[in-house]
Structures are given as C-alpha cells and as structure tokens.
Protein backbone atom coordinates (compact mmCIF):
# COMPACT_ATOMS: atom_id res chain seq x y z
CA UNK A 1 -5.84 47.68 -23.52
CA UNK A 2 -5.50 44.67 -21.58
CA UNK A 3 -3.85 43.16 -24.50
CA UNK A 4 -1.70 45.23 -25.51
CA UNK A 5 -0.65 45.87 -21.39
CA UNK A 6 0.12 42.39 -21.67
CA UNK A 7 2.27 41.95 -24.74
CA UNK A 8 4.08 45.16 -23.88
CA UNK A 9 5.04 42.92 -20.30
CA UNK A 10 6.03 40.02 -22.30
CA UNK A 11 7.93 41.34 -24.53
CA UNK A 12 9.79 43.37 -21.51
CA UNK A 13 10.32 39.64 -20.03
CA UNK A 14 11.35 38.04 -22.56
CA UNK A 15 14.41 41.18 -22.93
CA UNK A 16 15.02 41.07 -19.85
CA UNK A 17 15.33 37.26 -19.45
CA UNK A 18 17.63 35.09 -22.09
CA UNK A 19 17.02 31.51 -22.86
CA UNK A 20 19.62 29.47 -21.20
CA UNK A 21 19.53 26.87 -24.03
CA UNK A 22 20.54 23.13 -23.71
CA UNK A 23 22.92 22.51 -21.59
CA UNK A 24 24.26 19.14 -21.15
CA UNK A 25 25.66 17.72 -17.69
CA UNK A 26 29.22 17.17 -17.13
CA UNK A 27 29.25 13.72 -16.23
CA UNK A 28 26.28 11.03 -15.55
CA UNK A 29 24.28 11.48 -12.13
CA UNK A 30 23.73 7.68 -11.96
CA UNK A 31 26.81 6.76 -9.93
CA UNK A 32 25.58 9.03 -7.03
CA UNK A 33 21.99 8.88 -7.36
CA UNK A 34 22.50 4.66 -6.80
CA UNK A 35 25.03 5.50 -3.62
CA UNK A 36 22.40 7.27 -1.97
CA UNK A 37 19.96 5.04 -2.64
CA UNK A 38 18.92 2.49 0.35
CA UNK A 39 20.37 -1.23 -0.85
CA UNK A 40 18.26 -3.62 -0.76
CA UNK A 41 18.13 -6.27 2.36
CA UNK A 42 16.89 -6.62 5.68
CA UNK A 43 18.60 -4.80 8.60
CA UNK A 44 18.02 -5.78 12.27
CA UNK A 45 19.76 -3.96 14.33
CA UNK A 46 20.89 -5.62 17.86
CA UNK A 47 18.31 -4.26 20.12
CA UNK A 48 15.55 -5.62 18.49
CA UNK A 49 17.94 -9.30 18.44
CA UNK A 50 18.07 -9.05 22.32
CA UNK A 51 14.56 -7.85 22.41
CA UNK A 52 13.08 -11.14 20.20
CA UNK A 53 15.49 -13.13 22.54
CA UNK A 54 14.10 -11.86 25.73
CA UNK A 55 10.02 -12.44 24.24
CA UNK A 56 11.79 -16.14 23.78
CA UNK A 57 12.92 -16.34 26.91
CA UNK A 58 9.89 -14.94 28.70
CA UNK A 59 7.76 -17.00 27.22
CA UNK A 60 9.44 -20.50 28.30
CA UNK A 61 9.12 -19.31 32.05
CA UNK A 62 5.90 -17.38 32.21
CA UNK A 63 3.83 -18.77 29.45
CA UNK A 64 1.09 -16.42 30.23
CA UNK A 65 3.47 -13.73 29.53
CA UNK A 66 3.67 -14.47 25.79
CA UNK A 67 -0.11 -14.19 25.91
CA UNK A 68 -0.29 -10.95 27.35
CA UNK A 69 2.24 -9.51 24.84
CA UNK A 70 0.00 -11.13 22.28
CA UNK A 71 -3.01 -9.32 23.82
CA UNK A 72 -0.50 -6.15 23.19
CA UNK A 73 0.15 -5.86 19.82
C-alpha cells in the first residue's frame, strides 16, 4: 500500500509541475560579475598612513614607546 501511495503521489507531482526545460541566458553575466569582484591590489586608507607616521615619529622621540607598542601587538 505504501508503494502505491508513493506512485500516486509522484504522478500527482509530475502532472502538477511541468518540466522547465533548458533555457539559455539572454546575455553573458561574466562582465557583471567582474565588476562586483574586488580588484587586485592593496588599498591603504589615509587613517592607516597617519597611524603609521605617528608610530614612527613617536619611536624617534621616545624609543621606549616603540617597545611598549611591540609588547601590545
């Protein structure tokens, strides 16, 4: 009885849902994907440059501060 129920259910599904078929895309999507992908390379913000400059200046004036910064890394 269980198999006949499964067969009946599968026939109902086949009749209710028509096959989609093979559909081709109207245009190539690779160009749109490339635009959204991040570009290769390193981008450094202005804040990072300012912070690095402050660390270098501080290490020249107070050499112990450089060791303290290294200890916190």
